[in-house]
Protein backbone atom coordinates (compact mmCIF):
# COMPACT_ATOMS: atom_id res chain seq x y z
CA MET A 1 0.35 -0.16 0.03
CA ASP A 2 2.82 2.39 0.48
CA ASP A 3 3.13 2.23 -2.69
CA LEU A 4 0.26 4.01 -3.70
CA ASN A 5 1.39 6.80 -1.81
CA ILE A 6 -2.02 7.17 0.15
CA ARG A 7 -0.74 7.47 3.88
CA ARG A 8 -1.45 10.38 5.76
CA GLU A 9 1.43 12.28 7.65
CA ASN A 10 0.19 10.43 11.22
CA GLY A 11 0.32 6.91 9.48
CA THR A 12 -3.69 6.03 8.76
CA ILE A 13 -4.67 5.28 5.75
CA ASP A 14 -6.83 7.88 3.65
CA GLY A 15 -9.86 6.17 2.19
CA GLN A 16 -10.75 8.60 -0.32
CA LYS A 17 -7.66 8.70 -2.31
CA LEU A 18 -7.31 4.38 -1.65
CA VAL A 19 -10.14 4.48 -3.83
CA ASP A 20 -8.93 7.70 -6.22
CA GLU A 21 -5.00 6.02 -6.85
CA LEU A 22 -7.41 2.43 -7.19
CA PHE A 23 -10.03 3.56 -9.33
CA GLY A 24 -9.68 7.02 -10.46
CA PRO A 25 -11.58 9.80 -9.21
CA ALA A 26 -15.22 9.53 -8.43
CA GLN A 27 -17.46 11.00 -11.89
CA VAL A 28 -19.98 12.36 -9.35
CA ARG A 29 -22.44 14.29 -11.84
CA THR A 30 -25.24 16.47 -10.45
CA LYS A 31 -28.81 16.77 -11.55
CA GLN A 32 -28.10 20.40 -13.37
CA GLU A 33 -25.44 18.68 -15.33
CA GLU A 34 -27.06 15.89 -16.37
CA ASP A 35 -29.92 18.09 -17.67
CA GLN A 36 -27.67 20.58 -19.32
CA GLU A 37 -26.25 17.20 -21.14
CA LEU A 38 -29.71 15.78 -22.11
CA MET A 39 -30.53 19.87 -23.72
CA LYS A 40 -27.42 19.98 -25.38
CA GLU A 41 -28.04 16.35 -27.07
CA ILE A 42 -31.80 17.53 -27.87
CA PHE A 43 -30.70 21.25 -29.33
CA GLY A 44 -27.34 21.42 -29.58
CA ASP A 45 -25.18 23.97 -28.60
CA VAL A 46 -25.99 26.81 -27.18
CA ILE A 47 -25.86 29.85 -28.81
CA SER A 48 -26.49 32.45 -26.26
CA THR A 49 -27.92 32.62 -22.49
CA TYR A 50 -29.40 35.54 -21.15
CA THR A 51 -29.49 35.19 -17.02
CA ARG A 52 -31.70 36.53 -14.83
CA ARG A 53 -28.89 38.71 -13.35
CA GLN A 54 -28.05 40.19 -16.78
CA ALA A 55 -32.07 41.37 -16.79
CA ILE A 56 -32.03 43.16 -13.46
CA GLU A 57 -28.59 44.80 -14.46
CA ASP A 58 -30.07 45.68 -17.66
CA GLY A 59 -33.26 46.85 -16.11
CA VAL A 60 -35.56 44.44 -18.00
CA LEU A 61 -36.46 43.16 -14.60
CA VAL A 62 -36.88 44.91 -11.24
CA ASP A 63 -35.53 42.65 -7.94
CA LEU A 64 -38.52 43.37 -5.54
CA MET A 65 -36.66 41.60 -2.92
CA GLN A 66 -35.01 44.83 -1.78
CA ASP A 67 -35.73 47.42 0.84
CA THR A 68 -39.77 47.59 2.29
CA MET A 69 -40.59 44.91 -0.51
CA ALA A 70 -38.30 42.04 0.88
CA GLU A 71 -39.80 41.30 4.13
CA VAL A 72 -43.42 41.65 2.51
CA ALA A 73 -42.41 39.24 -0.83
CA ARG A 74 -40.74 37.00 1.92
CA SER A 75 -44.47 36.83 3.98
CA HIS A 76 -46.11 35.46 0.95
CA TYR A 77 -43.79 32.97 -1.12
CA LYS A 78 -40.38 31.35 -0.37
CA HIS A 79 -38.87 31.96 -3.39
CA PRO A 80 -36.97 35.27 -4.93
CA ILE A 81 -39.42 37.72 -7.14
CA ALA A 82 -38.69 40.01 -9.78
CA ALA A 83 -41.08 41.95 -11.73
CA THR A 84 -40.88 43.21 -15.24
CA ILE A 85 -40.59 46.95 -15.87
CA GLU A 86 -43.60 47.15 -17.17
CA VAL A 87 -45.64 45.92 -14.24
CA PHE A 88 -42.80 48.13 -11.62
CA SER A 89 -43.55 51.01 -14.20
CA ILE A 90 -47.53 50.72 -12.97
CA MET A 91 -46.22 50.68 -9.28
CA GLU A 92 -43.69 53.35 -9.33
CA LYS A 93 -47.05 55.76 -11.00
CA ALA A 94 -49.44 54.82 -8.02
CA VAL A 95 -46.81 55.33 -5.33
CA ALA A 96 -45.68 58.53 -7.20
CA ASN A 97 -49.54 59.88 -7.10
CA LYS A 98 -49.55 60.85 -3.42
CA ARG A 99 -53.32 61.20 -3.69
CA HIS A 100 -53.59 57.83 -2.64
CA LEU A 101 -50.59 57.15 -0.42
CA ASN A 102 -49.74 54.22 -1.91
CA ASP A 103 -46.44 52.73 -0.92
CA PHE A 104 -44.33 50.00 -2.79
CA ALA A 105 -44.70 47.57 0.34
CA GLY A 106 -48.45 47.72 0.14
CA ILE A 107 -48.62 47.38 -3.42
CA LEU A 108 -46.80 44.25 -3.89
CA HIS A 109 -48.68 42.78 -1.05
CA ASP A 110 -51.70 43.43 -2.48
CA MET A 111 -50.34 41.96 -5.83
CA LEU A 112 -48.90 38.63 -4.07
CA TRP A 113 -51.92 38.41 -2.12
CA MET A 114 -54.78 38.73 -5.18
CA SER A 115 -51.66 36.04 -6.81
CA LYS A 116 -53.08 33.31 -4.66
CA VAL A 117 -56.60 34.24 -3.63
CA TYR A 118 -58.06 35.47 -7.06
CA LYS A 119 -56.21 33.57 -9.19
CA ARG A 120 -56.87 31.81 -12.64
CA GLN A 121 -54.29 28.64 -12.58
CA ILE A 122 -52.42 28.69 -16.53
CA SER A 123 -50.73 25.57 -15.51
CA GLU A 124 -48.38 24.19 -12.59
CA THR A 125 -46.22 27.06 -12.72
CA THR A 126 -48.20 30.05 -14.15
CA VAL A 127 -51.36 31.85 -12.75
CA ILE A 128 -53.19 35.14 -13.93
CA PHE A 129 -54.27 37.27 -11.36
CA ARG A 130 -56.53 40.81 -11.29
CA VAL A 131 -55.76 43.24 -8.48
CA LYS A 132 -56.92 46.89 -8.25
CA ILE A 133 -54.04 49.52 -7.91
CA LYS A 134 -55.54 52.89 -7.52
CA GLY A 135 -53.19 55.83 -8.65
CA ALA A 136 -51.46 54.25 -11.30
CA GLY A 137 -53.26 55.78 -14.39
CA ARG A 138 -56.95 55.96 -15.51
CA ARG A 139 -57.88 52.42 -14.70
CA SER A 140 -57.59 50.98 -11.49
CA VAL A 141 -58.10 46.96 -12.17
CA TYR A 142 -55.06 45.61 -13.65
CA ASP A 143 -54.04 41.74 -14.66
CA PHE A 144 -51.06 40.20 -14.27
CA LYS A 145 -49.19 37.14 -14.51
CA LEU A 146 -46.98 35.36 -11.87
CA VAL A 147 -44.57 32.00 -13.29
CA VAL A 148 -42.65 30.29 -11.23
CA GLY A 149 -39.37 29.00 -13.08
CA PRO A 150 -35.96 28.08 -12.76
CA GLY A 151 -33.27 30.96 -12.11
CA ASP A 152 -29.87 30.89 -12.81
CA ASP A 153 -28.66 28.42 -10.95
CA GLY A 154 -31.61 26.21 -11.73
CA GLU A 155 -33.48 27.21 -8.08
CA PRO A 156 -37.35 28.30 -7.88
CA VAL A 157 -37.65 32.27 -8.94
CA ILE A 158 -41.11 33.89 -9.05
CA THR A 159 -41.49 36.92 -12.12
CA ILE A 160 -44.29 39.45 -11.97
CA MET A 161 -45.48 40.59 -15.66
CA ASN A 162 -47.91 41.59 -17.68
CA PRO A 163 -50.27 38.20 -18.85
CA GLU A 164 -49.19 38.93 -22.70
CA GLN A 165 -45.26 39.03 -21.77
CA ASP A 166 -43.12 35.76 -21.55
């Protein structure tokens, strides 16, 4: 066994080194790696990717897990939540209209509450819901779509968008 160079300084045998020396390093693959390989087999090489992180940096999505909205978001859903810039613009208009005394946390609470109680299930991961937001414009009733999908690392994330958006 000394020939395999597997002894530790204190003289004990390192079992993992022994296994690696005899059989080579273990080839443990994660589910994500297996899924990526399957997708490559089906669709070929990836031409380009656009991550959620990039969409937030570019201003296409707005991270709602910040400031007072983070606590509200966590009280409704356990996954990170973002909204498209179009949805966030509606929220901004309502907050800017001082006549209705809206704040971001209150509007988000109303949206997330209605996404649970007044929803139309489109699929396992998508619901359409209706919410009343005063002060955002001439109308006060808005339809939104909530989608649960994979984040940049495969973790579940939530995106709120207009119904016609993907």
